[in-house]
Amino acid sequence: MVVGHLATAQEWPFELWHEGKVVLDSGDTLRGSLKYDFQNDLVQLNQSGKIEAYTARKVLFYEIFDATVKRYRQVYSLPYSPTGGYKAPIFFELLEEGKITLLAREALEYRTVSSPYFFYGTYTRLVLVYKYFIMRDNGTIVAVESAKKGEWLQLMGKYADEVQRYAKSNKLDFDEKYDLVRIIGYYNSLFK
């Protein structure tokens, strides 16, 4: 898990409407303003003031332009079970595809933050975090438990030193979502 974004006044990306499209399992493509909810695996579509909600069971994927990060984001409905039992469709954001296919889900968590402004030095704050997953070649999705630099480098085997040099020379942080995407993208480029 990685802290990715401290919001002010509770302005989380999932609380905002984003221009985009949703592709339903029926094959229909609907365009309009979208609001997503990873916790409940829902996406809402606003077309000319008419709002409809769709579960991950009814959606193949959706794409939004997220103005908070000035990027297009693609989210897919994929079968997953954290325990290895019955797999139900849930939403995953596709961050990078290749030798390592990197997926993510957003969550809110309370984190203790150090601050020089408070007498006690720390306080608890609600932050947006990313939980990372890897899709294996056979389609199985596995959680990346610690999502720390060492765990990522271990996945890269003999290329770990080269990737670490790339990250260092480009001042990329394994704990920042879009830096991690660039690092994984570089690793994947070694196989093209």
Foldseek 3Di string as FASTA:
>chain_A
DFFADDDDPPPDLLVDWFWWWFQWPVRDIDTATWHADQVQQKIWHADPNDIDIDHLNTTQKMWGQRPVVRHIWIKGFAFADQVPPGTDTGIWIFLDDAQWTKTKDKDKDWDWDADPPDPVGIDIDITIAIWMWTQHPVRYIYTQVPQALVSVLVVLPPCSVVLVVVCVVVVAHSNYRNSVSVSVNVSRVVVD
